[in-house]
Amino acid sequence: MEIGLLLAGVLLPLALVHGWGEIWPAWVPLLAGRPIPRPLLLVPGFGLGAGIVAYFGMGLTQLVSGSVSQFSDTFLWLAMSAYCVLGLGLVVASSDYHLRTRVACGACGR
């Protein structure tokens, strides 16, 4: 979970919105200059985004239902809401990446 959150919070969003998310950067040995396979970013982008929203959304649902925790309600509302926004942002960035990098339609050219 921690590695997924680190990946989802730093490297993955940057790769989804910057140009180096389409071509391997020069600092990556053996792969520099080659195209990045779309599923390499889309699968974790959609998967982690949806997973984060589901996990922390469930936490918010438990908080609304009045479950007791060792942390203050204010802290939990802020932390869980921020993670939900992160997850939604990943889903939106993945959707944008999908639209930007898809192959043009043979029939209509879009």
PDB file of N, CA and C in Angstrom:
ATOM      1  N   MET A   1       0.831  -1.196   0.000  1.00  0.00           N
ATOM      2  CA  MET A   1       0.000   0.000   0.000  1.00  0.00           C
ATOM      3  C   MET A   1       0.873   1.256   0.000  1.00  0.00           C
ATOM      4  N   GLU A   2       1.928   1.227   0.803  1.00  0.00           N
ATOM      5  CA  GLU A   2       2.794   2.413   0.891  1.00  0.00           C
ATOM      6  C   GLU A   2       3.501   2.683  -0.437  1.00  0.00           C
ATOM      7  N   ILE A   3       3.989   1.631  -1.083  1.00  0.00           N
ATOM      8  CA  ILE A   3       4.660   1.812  -2.364  1.00  0.00           C
ATOM      9  C   ILE A   3       3.667   2.319  -3.408  1.00  0.00           C
ATOM     10  N   GLY A   4       2.452   1.777  -3.363  1.00  0.00           N
ATOM     11  CA  GLY A   4       1.411   2.235  -4.285  1.00  0.00           C
ATOM     12  C   GLY A   4       1.074   3.691  -4.075  1.00  0.00           C
ATOM     13  N   LEU A   5       0.970   4.117  -2.811  1.00  0.00           N
ATOM     14  CA  LEU A   5       0.674   5.523  -2.525  1.00  0.00           C
ATOM     15  C   LEU A   5       1.829   6.429  -2.935  1.00  0.00           C
ATOM     16  N   LEU A   6       3.062   5.967  -2.737  1.00  0.00           N
ATOM     17  CA  LEU A   6       4.213   6.759  -3.163  1.00  0.00           C
ATOM     18  C   LEU A   6       4.229   6.887  -4.681  1.00  0.00           C
ATOM     19  N   LEU A   7       4.006   5.767  -5.362  1.00  0.00           N
ATOM     20  CA  LEU A   7       3.954   5.783  -6.820  1.00  0.00           C
ATOM     21  C   LEU A   7       2.796   6.643  -7.307  1.00  0.00           C
ATOM     22  N   ALA A   8       1.637   6.482  -6.694  1.00  0.00           N
ATOM     23  CA  ALA A   8       0.448   7.222  -7.114  1.00  0.00           C
ATOM     24  C   ALA A   8       0.561   8.704  -6.787  1.00  0.00           C
ATOM     25  N   GLY A   9       1.332   9.049  -5.788  1.00  0.00           N
ATOM     26  CA  GLY A   9       1.407  10.430  -5.362  1.00  0.00           C
ATOM     27  C   GLY A   9       2.496  11.254  -6.012  1.00  0.00           C
ATOM     28  N   VAL A  10       3.508  10.606  -6.585  1.00  0.00           N
ATOM     29  CA  VAL A  10       4.640  11.361  -7.106  1.00  0.00           C
ATOM     30  C   VAL A  10       4.901  11.066  -8.581  1.00  0.00           C
ATOM     31  N   LEU A  11       5.361   9.879  -8.875  1.00  0.00           N
ATOM     32  CA  LEU A  11       5.839   9.565 -10.216  1.00  0.00           C
ATOM     33  C   LEU A  11       4.707   9.400 -11.224  1.00  0.00           C
ATOM     34  N   LEU A  12       3.678   8.683 -10.860  1.00  0.00           N
ATOM     35  CA  LEU A  12       2.594   8.406 -11.797  1.00  0.00           C
ATOM     36  C   LEU A  12       1.862   9.664 -12.271  1.00  0.00           C
ATOM     37  N   PRO A  13       1.456  10.578 -11.377  1.00  0.00           N
ATOM     38  CA  PRO A  13       0.792  11.788 -11.876  1.00  0.00           C
ATOM     39  C   PRO A  13       1.671  12.621 -12.802  1.00  0.00           C
ATOM     40  N   LEU A  14       2.960  12.698 -12.492  1.00  0.00           N
ATOM     41  CA  LEU A  14       3.869  13.455 -13.355  1.00  0.00           C
ATOM     42  C   LEU A  14       3.992  12.805 -14.723  1.00  0.00           C
ATOM     43  N   ALA A  15       4.091  11.482 -14.747  1.00  0.00           N
ATOM     44  CA  ALA A  15       4.208  10.779 -16.031  1.00  0.00           C
ATOM     45  C   ALA A  15       2.930  10.919 -16.851  1.00  0.00           C
ATOM     46  N   LEU A  16       1.785  11.000 -16.193  1.00  0.00           N
ATOM     47  CA  LEU A  16       0.514  11.105 -16.922  1.00  0.00           C
ATOM     48  C   LEU A  16       0.309  12.475 -17.554  1.00  0.00           C
ATOM     49  N   VAL A  17       0.899  13.511 -16.979  1.00  0.00           N
ATOM     50  CA  VAL A  17       0.625  14.863 -17.491  1.00  0.00           C
ATOM     51  C   VAL A  17       1.796  15.492 -18.244  1.00  0.00           C
ATOM     52  N   HIS A  18       3.009  14.948 -18.130  1.00  0.00           N
ATOM     53  CA  HIS A  18       4.163  15.513 -18.824  1.00  0.00           C
ATOM     54  C   HIS A  18       4.504  14.700 -20.059  1.00  0.00           C
ATOM     55  N   GLY A  19       5.252  15.316 -20.950  1.00  0.00           N
ATOM     56  CA  GLY A  19       5.650  14.654 -22.181  1.00  0.00           C
ATOM     57  C   GLY A  19       6.531  13.439 -21.960  1.00  0.00           C
ATOM     58  N   TRP A  20       7.303  13.413 -20.872  1.00  0.00           N
ATOM     59  CA  TRP A  20       8.164  12.250 -20.650  1.00  0.00           C
ATOM     60  C   TRP A  20       7.362  11.026 -20.237  1.00  0.00           C
ATOM     61  N   GLY A  21       6.055  11.143 -20.126  1.00  0.00           N
ATOM     62  CA  GLY A  21       5.211   9.984 -19.889  1.00  0.00           C
ATOM     63  C   GLY A  21       4.878   9.240 -21.176  1.00  0.00           C
ATOM     64  N   GLU A  22       5.290   9.782 -22.307  1.00  0.00           N
ATOM     65  CA  GLU A  22       5.040   9.125 -23.590  1.00  0.00           C
ATOM     66  C   GLU A  22       6.305   8.515 -24.179  1.00  0.00           C
ATOM     67  N   ILE A  23       7.449   9.101 -23.887  1.00  0.00           N
ATOM     68  CA  ILE A  23       8.750   8.611 -24.353  1.00  0.00           C
ATOM     69  C   ILE A  23       9.649   8.463 -23.126  1.00  0.00           C
ATOM     70  N   TRP A  24      10.368   7.339 -23.028  1.00  0.00           N
ATOM     71  CA  TRP A  24      11.272   7.150 -21.902  1.00  0.00           C
ATOM     72  C   TRP A  24      12.306   8.270 -21.876  1.00  0.00           C
ATOM     73  N   PRO A  25      12.519   8.918 -20.724  1.00  0.00           N
ATOM     74  CA  PRO A  25      13.515   9.996 -20.653  1.00  0.00           C
ATOM     75  C   PRO A  25      14.941   9.460 -20.805  1.00  0.00           C
ATOM     76  N   ALA A  26      15.868  10.371 -21.051  1.00  0.00           N
ATOM     77  CA  ALA A  26      17.266  10.004 -21.307  1.00  0.00           C
ATOM     78  C   ALA A  26      17.927   9.354 -20.102  1.00  0.00           C
ATOM     79  N   TRP A  27      17.441   9.622 -18.894  1.00  0.00           N
ATOM     80  CA  TRP A  27      18.085   9.083 -17.703  1.00  0.00           C
ATOM     81  C   TRP A  27      17.683   7.634 -17.409  1.00  0.00           C
ATOM     82  N   VAL A  28      16.808   7.035 -18.225  1.00  0.00           N
ATOM     83  CA  VAL A  28      16.419   5.633 -18.030  1.00  0.00           C
ATOM     84  C   VAL A  28      17.306   4.767 -18.925  1.00  0.00           C
ATOM     85  N   PRO A  29      18.210   3.971 -18.315  1.00  0.00           N
ATOM     86  CA  PRO A  29      19.124   3.181 -19.133  1.00  0.00           C
ATOM     87  C   PRO A  29      18.381   2.134 -19.970  1.00  0.00           C
ATOM     88  N   LEU A  30      18.891   1.896 -21.162  1.00  0.00           N
ATOM     89  CA  LEU A  30      18.413   0.893 -22.118  1.00  0.00           C
ATOM     90  C   LEU A  30      17.055   1.200 -22.748  1.00  0.00           C
ATOM     91  N   LEU A  31      16.278   2.104 -22.178  1.00  0.00           N
ATOM     92  CA  LEU A  31      14.958   2.415 -22.717  1.00  0.00           C
ATOM     93  C   LEU A  31      14.830   3.838 -23.242  1.00  0.00           C
ATOM     94  N   ALA A  32      15.830   4.667 -23.017  1.00  0.00           N
ATOM     95  CA  ALA A  32      15.770   6.084 -23.366  1.00  0.00           C
ATOM     96  C   ALA A  32      15.391   6.279 -24.831  1.00  0.00           C
ATOM     97  N   GLY A  33      14.398   7.124 -25.065  1.00  0.00           N
ATOM     98  CA  GLY A  33      13.962   7.465 -26.405  1.00  0.00           C
ATOM     99  C   GLY A  33      12.897   6.555 -26.988  1.00  0.00           C
ATOM    100  N   ARG A  34      12.638   5.435 -26.357  1.00  0.00           N
ATOM    101  CA  ARG A  34      11.607   4.516 -26.850  1.00  0.00           C
ATOM    102  C   ARG A  34      10.243   4.928 -26.314  1.00  0.00           C
ATOM    103  N   PRO A  35       9.177   4.601 -27.035  1.00  0.00           N
ATOM    104  CA  PRO A  35       7.839   4.928 -26.528  1.00  0.00           C
ATOM    105  C   PRO A  35       7.475   4.071 -25.313  1.00  0.00           C
ATOM    106  N   ILE A  36       6.779   4.680 -24.388  1.00  0.00           N
ATOM    107  CA  ILE A  36       6.296   3.964 -23.204  1.00  0.00           C
ATOM    108  C   ILE A  36       4.988   3.280 -23.573  1.00  0.00           C
ATOM    109  N   PRO A  37       4.856   1.983 -23.306  1.00  0.00           N
ATOM    110  CA  PRO A  37       3.589   1.306 -23.589  1.00  0.00           C
ATOM    111  C   PRO A  37       2.444   1.935 -22.791  1.00  0.00           C
ATOM    112  N   ARG A  38       1.343   2.232 -23.453  1.00  0.00           N
ATOM    113  CA  ARG A  38       0.208   2.897 -22.801  1.00  0.00           C
ATOM    114  C   ARG A  38      -0.278   2.169 -21.551  1.00  0.00           C
ATOM    115  N   PRO A  39      -0.410   0.831 -21.582  1.00  0.00           N
ATOM    116  CA  PRO A  39      -0.911   0.150 -20.380  1.00  0.00           C
ATOM    117  C   PRO A  39      -0.009   0.309 -19.159  1.00  0.00           C
ATOM    118  N   LEU A  40       1.274   0.586 -19.380  1.00  0.00           N
ATOM    119  CA  LEU A  40       2.196   0.756 -18.254  1.00  0.00           C
ATOM    120  C   LEU A  40       1.786   1.931 -17.364  1.00  0.00           C
ATOM    121  N   LEU A  41       1.162   2.934 -17.929  1.00  0.00           N
ATOM    122  CA  LEU A  41       0.678   4.078 -17.140  1.00  0.00           C
ATOM    123  C   LEU A  41      -0.832   4.022 -16.903  1.00  0.00           C
ATOM    124  N   LEU A  42      -1.575   3.520 -17.875  1.00  0.00           N
ATOM    125  CA  LEU A  42      -3.035   3.528 -17.741  1.00  0.00           C
ATOM    126  C   LEU A  42      -3.542   2.532 -16.702  1.00  0.00           C
ATOM    127  N   VAL A  43      -2.977   1.341 -16.660  1.00  0.00           N
ATOM    128  CA  VAL A  43      -3.455   0.332 -15.702  1.00  0.00           C
ATOM    129  C   VAL A  43      -3.228   0.794 -14.259  1.00  0.00           C
ATOM    130  N   PRO A  44      -2.001   1.210 -13.876  1.00  0.00           N
ATOM    131  CA  PRO A  44      -1.849   1.700 -12.512  1.00  0.00           C
ATOM    132  C   PRO A  44      -2.592   3.010 -12.259  1.00  0.00           C
ATOM    133  N   GLY A  45      -2.692   3.851 -13.279  1.00  0.00           N
ATOM    134  CA  GLY A  45      -3.395   5.123 -13.093  1.00  0.00           C
ATOM    135  C   GLY A  45      -4.857   4.919 -12.740  1.00  0.00           C
ATOM    136  N   PHE A  46      -5.544   4.127 -13.561  1.00  0.00           N
ATOM    137  CA  PHE A  46      -6.955   3.849 -13.278  1.00  0.00           C
ATOM    138  C   PHE A  46      -7.107   2.955 -12.053  1.00  0.00           C
ATOM    139  N   GLY A  47      -6.241   1.931 -11.938  1.00  0.00           N
ATOM    140  CA  GLY A  47      -6.354   0.991 -10.822  1.00  0.00           C
ATOM    141  C   GLY A  47      -6.105   1.631  -9.466  1.00  0.00           C
ATOM    142  N   LEU A  48      -4.984   2.334  -9.347  1.00  0.00           N
ATOM    143  CA  LEU A  48      -4.679   2.990  -8.074  1.00  0.00           C
ATOM    144  C   LEU A  48      -5.656   4.130  -7.789  1.00  0.00           C
ATOM    145  N   GLY A  49      -6.034   4.878  -8.826  1.00  0.00           N
ATOM    146  CA  GLY A  49      -6.999   5.961  -8.614  1.00  0.00           C
ATOM    147  C   GLY A  49      -8.321   5.444  -8.086  1.00  0.00           C
ATOM    148  N   ALA A  50      -8.856   4.414  -8.736  1.00  0.00           N
ATOM    149  CA  ALA A  50     -10.129   3.841  -8.281  1.00  0.00           C
ATOM    150  C   ALA A  50      -9.978   3.183  -6.915  1.00  0.00           C
ATOM    151  N   GLY A  51      -8.846   2.505  -6.686  1.00  0.00           N
ATOM    152  CA  GLY A  51      -8.621   1.862  -5.393  1.00  0.00           C
ATOM    153  C   GLY A  51      -8.517   2.859  -4.247  1.00  0.00           C
ATOM    154  N   ILE A  52      -7.816   3.949  -4.481  1.00  0.00           N
ATOM    155  CA  ILE A  52      -7.673   4.985  -3.447  1.00  0.00           C
ATOM    156  C   ILE A  52      -9.032   5.615  -3.134  1.00  0.00           C
ATOM    157  N   VAL A  53      -9.805   5.913  -4.185  1.00  0.00           N
ATOM    158  CA  VAL A  53     -11.134   6.494  -3.964  1.00  0.00           C
ATOM    159  C   VAL A  53     -12.022   5.515  -3.198  1.00  0.00           C
ATOM    160  N   ALA A  54     -11.973   4.235  -3.567  1.00  0.00           N
ATOM    161  CA  ALA A  54     -12.804   3.238  -2.884  1.00  0.00           C
ATOM    162  C   ALA A  54     -12.389   3.079  -1.426  1.00  0.00           C
ATOM    163  N   TYR A  55     -11.094   2.970  -1.181  1.00  0.00           N
ATOM    164  CA  TYR A  55     -10.596   2.741   0.176  1.00  0.00           C
ATOM    165  C   TYR A  55     -10.911   3.917   1.103  1.00  0.00           C
ATOM    166  N   PHE A  56     -10.540   5.112   0.674  1.00  0.00           N
ATOM    167  CA  PHE A  56     -10.752   6.265   1.540  1.00  0.00           C
ATOM    168  C   PHE A  56     -12.199   6.744   1.501  1.00  0.00           C
ATOM    169  N   GLY A  57     -12.907   6.455   0.413  1.00  0.00           N
ATOM    170  CA  GLY A  57     -14.341   6.734   0.395  1.00  0.00           C
ATOM    171  C   GLY A  57     -15.074   5.884   1.421  1.00  0.00           C
ATOM    172  N   MET A  58     -14.662   4.623   1.556  1.00  0.00           N
ATOM    173  CA  MET A  58     -15.244   3.759   2.579  1.00  0.00           C
ATOM    174  C   MET A  58     -14.915   4.292   3.975  1.00  0.00           C
ATOM    175  N   GLY A  59     -13.701   4.797   4.138  1.00  0.00           N
ATOM    176  CA  GLY A  59     -13.344   5.407   5.425  1.00  0.00           C
ATOM    177  C   GLY A  59     -14.214   6.603   5.743  1.00  0.00           C
ATOM    178  N   LEU A  60     -14.499   7.428   4.736  1.00  0.00           N
ATOM    179  CA  LEU A  60     -15.395   8.569   4.950  1.00  0.00           C
ATOM    180  C   LEU A  60     -16.802   8.097   5.287  1.00  0.00           C
ATOM    181  N   THR A  61     -17.242   7.019   4.649  1.00  0.00           N
ATOM    182  CA  THR A  61     -18.564   6.459   4.945  1.00  0.00           C
ATOM    183  C   THR A  61     -18.621   5.974   6.387  1.00  0.00           C
ATOM    184  N   GLN A  62     -17.573   5.316   6.858  1.00  0.00           N
ATOM    185  CA  GLN A  62     -17.528   4.881   8.254  1.00  0.00           C
ATOM    186  C   GLN A  62     -17.508   6.073   9.194  1.00  0.00           C
ATOM    187  N   LEU A  63     -16.815   7.125   8.807  1.00  0.00           N
ATOM    188  CA  LEU A  63     -16.759   8.327   9.639  1.00  0.00           C
ATOM    189  C   LEU A  63     -18.137   8.971   9.756  1.00  0.00           C
ATOM    190  N   VAL A  64     -18.877   8.994   8.656  1.00  0.00           N
ATOM    191  CA  VAL A  64     -20.230   9.555   8.668  1.00  0.00           C
ATOM    192  C   VAL A  64     -21.148   8.715   9.548  1.00  0.00           C
ATOM    193  N   SER A  65     -20.941   7.404   9.536  1.00  0.00           N
ATOM    194  CA  SER A  65     -21.806   6.526  10.321  1.00  0.00           C
ATOM    195  C   SER A  65     -21.511   6.597  11.811  1.00  0.00           C
ATOM    196  N   GLY A  66     -20.446   7.286  12.181  1.00  0.00           N
ATOM    197  CA  GLY A  66     -20.169   7.509  13.598  1.00  0.00           C
ATOM    198  C   GLY A  66     -19.244   6.491  14.227  1.00  0.00           C
ATOM    199  N   SER A  67     -18.382   5.853  13.453  1.00  0.00           N
ATOM    200  CA  SER A  67     -17.464   4.894  14.053  1.00  0.00           C
ATOM    201  C   SER A  67     -16.441   5.639  14.910  1.00  0.00           C
ATOM    202  N   VAL A  68     -15.974   4.990  15.949  1.00  0.00           N
ATOM    203  CA  VAL A  68     -15.065   5.597  16.911  1.00  0.00           C
ATOM    204  C   VAL A  68     -13.626   5.355  16.468  1.00  0.00           C
ATOM    205  N   SER A  69     -12.771   6.368  16.601  1.00  0.00           N
ATOM    206  CA  SER A  69     -11.371   6.257  16.212  1.00  0.00           C
ATOM    207  C   SER A  69     -10.505   6.950  17.248  1.00  0.00           C
ATOM    208  N   GLN A  70      -9.219   6.597  17.236  1.00  0.00           N
ATOM    209  CA  GLN A  70      -8.278   7.241  18.151  1.00  0.00           C
ATOM    210  C   GLN A  70      -7.871   8.631  17.663  1.00  0.00           C
ATOM    211  N   PHE A  71      -8.174   8.955  16.405  1.00  0.00           N
ATOM    212  CA  PHE A  71      -7.839  10.258  15.837  1.00  0.00           C
ATOM    213  C   PHE A  71      -9.058  11.173  15.893  1.00  0.00           C
ATOM    214  N   SER A  72      -8.805  12.477  15.836  1.00  0.00           N
ATOM    215  CA  SER A  72      -9.918  13.420  15.866  1.00  0.00           C
ATOM    216  C   SER A  72     -10.687  13.359  14.553  1.00  0.00           C
ATOM    217  N   ASP A  73     -11.954  13.674  14.619  1.00  0.00           N
ATOM    218  CA  ASP A  73     -12.790  13.653  13.419  1.00  0.00           C
ATOM    219  C   ASP A  73     -12.310  14.656  12.372  1.00  0.00           C
ATOM    220  N   THR A  74     -11.821  15.806  12.817  1.00  0.00           N
ATOM    221  CA  THR A  74     -11.336  16.826  11.886  1.00  0.00           C
ATOM    222  C   THR A  74     -10.160  16.304  11.076  1.00  0.00           C
ATOM    223  N   PHE A  75      -9.209  15.663  11.770  1.00  0.00           N
ATOM    224  CA  PHE A  75      -8.055  15.094  11.082  1.00  0.00           C
ATOM    225  C   PHE A  75      -8.491  14.053  10.061  1.00  0.00           C
ATOM    226  N   LEU A  76      -9.379  13.163  10.452  1.00  0.00           N
ATOM    227  CA  LEU A  76      -9.829  12.109   9.547  1.00  0.00           C
ATOM    228  C   LEU A  76     -10.563  12.679   8.335  1.00  0.00           C
ATOM    229  N   TRP A  77     -11.417  13.681   8.558  1.00  0.00           N
ATOM    230  CA  TRP A  77     -12.127  14.304   7.436  1.00  0.00           C
ATOM    231  C   TRP A  77     -11.138  14.909   6.450  1.00  0.00           C
ATOM    232  N   LEU A  78     -10.154  15.634   6.969  1.00  0.00           N
ATOM    233  CA  LEU A  78      -9.186  16.285   6.083  1.00  0.00           C
ATOM    234  C   LEU A  78      -8.312  15.267   5.346  1.00  0.00           C
ATOM    235  N   ALA A  79      -7.780  14.288   6.076  1.00  0.00           N
ATOM    236  CA  ALA A  79      -6.877  13.317   5.467  1.00  0.00           C
ATOM    237  C   ALA A  79      -7.606  12.453   4.433  1.00  0.00           C
ATOM    238  N   MET A  80      -8.748  11.931   4.803  1.00  0.00           N
ATOM    239  CA  MET A  80      -9.470  11.043   3.883  1.00  0.00           C
ATOM    240  C   MET A  80     -10.014  11.805   2.678  1.00  0.00           C
ATOM    241  N   SER A  81     -10.434  13.033   2.883  1.00  0.00           N
ATOM    242  CA  SER A  81     -10.904  13.842   1.753  1.00  0.00           C
ATOM    243  C   SER A  81      -9.759  14.139   0.793  1.00  0.00           C
ATOM    244  N   ALA A  82      -8.573  14.429   1.347  1.00  0.00           N
ATOM    245  CA  ALA A  82      -7.415  14.717   0.496  1.00  0.00           C
ATOM    246  C   ALA A  82      -7.034  13.490  -0.338  1.00  0.00           C
ATOM    247  N   TYR A  83      -7.068  12.318   0.266  1.00  0.00           N
ATOM    248  CA  TYR A  83      -6.755  11.101  -0.487  1.00  0.00           C
ATOM    249  C   TYR A  83      -7.819  10.816  -1.547  1.00  0.00           C
ATOM    250  N   CYS A  84      -9.063  11.110  -1.252  1.00  0.00           N
ATOM    251  CA  CYS A  84     -10.115  10.934  -2.264  1.00  0.00           C
ATOM    252  C   CYS A  84      -9.877  11.873  -3.446  1.00  0.00           C
ATOM    253  N   VAL A  85      -9.467  13.092  -3.175  1.00  0.00           N
ATOM    254  CA  VAL A  85      -9.152  14.047  -4.245  1.00  0.00           C
ATOM    255  C   VAL A  85      -7.950  13.546  -5.050  1.00  0.00           C
ATOM    256  N   LEU A  86      -6.946  12.988  -4.373  1.00  0.00           N
ATOM    257  CA  LEU A  86      -5.798  12.413  -5.072  1.00  0.00           C
ATOM    258  C   LEU A  86      -6.250  11.289  -6.003  1.00  0.00           C
ATOM    259  N   GLY A  87      -7.087  10.406  -5.522  1.00  0.00           N
ATOM    260  CA  GLY A  87      -7.581   9.304  -6.347  1.00  0.00           C
ATOM    261  C   GLY A  87      -8.378   9.795  -7.537  1.00  0.00           C
ATOM    262  N   LEU A  88      -9.242  10.762  -7.316  1.00  0.00           N
ATOM    263  CA  LEU A  88     -10.021  11.330  -8.423  1.00  0.00           C
ATOM    264  C   LEU A  88      -9.112  12.017  -9.431  1.00  0.00           C
ATOM    265  N   GLY A  89      -8.086  12.699  -8.938  1.00  0.00           N
ATOM    266  CA  GLY A  89      -7.121  13.338  -9.832  1.00  0.00           C
ATOM    267  C   GLY A  89      -6.387  12.326 -10.690  1.00  0.00           C
ATOM    268  N   LEU A  90      -6.042  11.181 -10.111  1.00  0.00           N
ATOM    269  CA  LEU A  90      -5.393  10.136 -10.895  1.00  0.00           C
ATOM    270  C   LEU A  90      -6.310   9.599 -11.979  1.00  0.00           C
ATOM    271  N   VAL A  91      -7.573   9.416 -11.653  1.00  0.00           N
ATOM    272  CA  VAL A  91      -8.526   8.924 -12.655  1.00  0.00           C
ATOM    273  C   VAL A  91      -8.685   9.955 -13.771  1.00  0.00           C
ATOM    274  N   VAL A  92      -8.775  11.222 -13.430  1.00  0.00           N
ATOM    275  CA  VAL A  92      -8.909  12.279 -14.443  1.00  0.00           C
ATOM    276  C   VAL A  92      -7.639  12.367 -15.297  1.00  0.00           C
ATOM    277  N   ALA A  93      -6.463  12.322 -14.666  1.00  0.00           N
ATOM    278  CA  ALA A  93      -5.207  12.378 -15.420  1.00  0.00           C
ATOM    279  C   ALA A  93      -5.060  11.158 -16.321  1.00  0.00           C
ATOM    280  N   SER A  94      -5.489  10.001 -15.852  1.00  0.00           N
ATOM    281  CA  SER A  94      -5.424   8.789 -16.671  1.00  0.00           C
ATOM    282  C   SER A  94      -6.376   8.888 -17.856  1.00  0.00           C
ATOM    283  N   SER A  95      -7.538   9.458 -17.627  1.00  0.00           N
ATOM    284  CA  SER A  95      -8.488   9.648 -18.729  1.00  0.00           C
ATOM    285  C   SER A  95      -7.919  10.592 -19.779  1.00  0.00           C
ATOM    286  N   ASP A  96      -7.293  11.673 -19.332  1.00  0.00           N
ATOM    287  CA  ASP A  96      -6.678  12.621 -20.258  1.00  0.00           C
ATOM    288  C   ASP A  96      -5.538  11.964 -21.028  1.00  0.00           C
ATOM    289  N   TYR A  97      -4.708  11.192 -20.343  1.00  0.00           N
ATOM    290  CA  TYR A  97      -3.605  10.485 -20.997  1.00  0.00           C
ATOM    291  C   TYR A  97      -4.144   9.509 -22.040  1.00  0.00           C
ATOM    292  N   HIS A  98      -5.207   8.811 -21.696  1.00  0.00           N
ATOM    293  CA  HIS A  98      -5.833   7.878 -22.634  1.00  0.00           C
ATOM    294  C   HIS A  98      -6.297   8.607 -23.894  1.00  0.00           C
ATOM    295  N   LEU A  99      -6.945   9.746 -23.721  1.00  0.00           N
ATOM    296  CA  LEU A  99      -7.450  10.493 -24.868  1.00  0.00           C
ATOM    297  C   LEU A  99      -6.320  11.089 -25.709  1.00  0.00           C
ATOM    298  N   ARG A 100      -5.242  11.537 -25.054  1.00  0.00           N
ATOM    299  CA  ARG A 100      -4.122  12.143 -25.782  1.00  0.00           C
ATOM    300  C   ARG A 100      -3.312  11.139 -26.558  1.00  0.00           C
ATOM    301  N   THR A 101      -3.206   9.911 -26.066  1.00  0.00           N
ATOM    302  CA  THR A 101      -2.279   8.944 -26.662  1.00  0.00           C
ATOM    303  C   THR A 101      -2.968   7.843 -27.465  1.00  0.00           C
ATOM    304  N   ARG A 102      -4.257   7.911 -27.618  1.00  0.00           N
ATOM    305  CA  ARG A 102      -4.935   6.852 -28.371  1.00  0.00           C
ATOM    306  C   ARG A 102      -4.659   6.999 -29.861  1.00  0.00           C
ATOM    307  N   VAL A 103      -4.829   5.891 -30.547  1.00  0.00           N
ATOM    308  CA  VAL A 103      -4.639   5.854 -31.995  1.00  0.00           C
ATOM    309  C   VAL A 103      -5.884   6.445 -32.655  1.00  0.00           C
ATOM    310  N   ALA A 104      -5.679   7.192 -33.731  1.00  0.00           N
ATOM    311  CA  ALA A 104      -6.801   7.823 -34.427  1.00  0.00           C
ATOM    312  C   ALA A 104      -7.725   6.747 -35.010  1.00  0.00           C
ATOM    313  N   CYS A 105      -9.006   7.027 -34.990  1.00  0.00           N
ATOM    314  CA  CYS A 105     -10.023   6.135 -35.536  1.00  0.00           C
ATOM    315  C   CYS A 105      -9.849   6.049 -37.058  1.00  0.00           C
ATOM    316  N   GLY A 106      -9.920   4.844 -37.591  1.00  0.00           N
ATOM    317  CA  GLY A 106      -9.764   4.667 -39.025  1.00  0.00           C
ATOM    318  C   GLY A 106     -10.932   5.227 -39.822  1.00  0.00           C
ATOM    319  N   ALA A 107     -12.140   5.233 -39.249  1.00  0.00           N
ATOM    320  CA  ALA A 107     -13.328   5.685 -39.966  1.00  0.00           C
ATOM    321  C   ALA A 107     -13.477   7.205 -39.970  1.00  0.00           C
ATOM    322  N   CYS A 108     -13.344   7.809 -38.787  1.00  0.00           N
ATOM    323  CA  CYS A 108     -13.615   9.245 -38.697  1.00  0.00           C
ATOM    324  C   CYS A 108     -12.366  10.102 -38.548  1.00  0.00           C
ATOM    325  N   GLY A 109     -11.226   9.482 -38.218  1.00  0.00           N
ATOM    326  CA  GLY A 109      -9.993  10.237 -38.097  1.00  0.00           C
ATOM    327  C   GLY A 109      -9.799  10.913 -36.750  1.00  0.00           C
ATOM    328  N   ARG A 110     -10.699  10.714 -35.827  1.00  0.00           N
ATOM    329  CA  ARG A 110     -10.534  11.327 -34.501  1.00  0.00           C
ATOM    330  C   ARG A 110      -9.674  10.487 -33.615  1.00  0.00           C
TER     331      ARG A 110
END
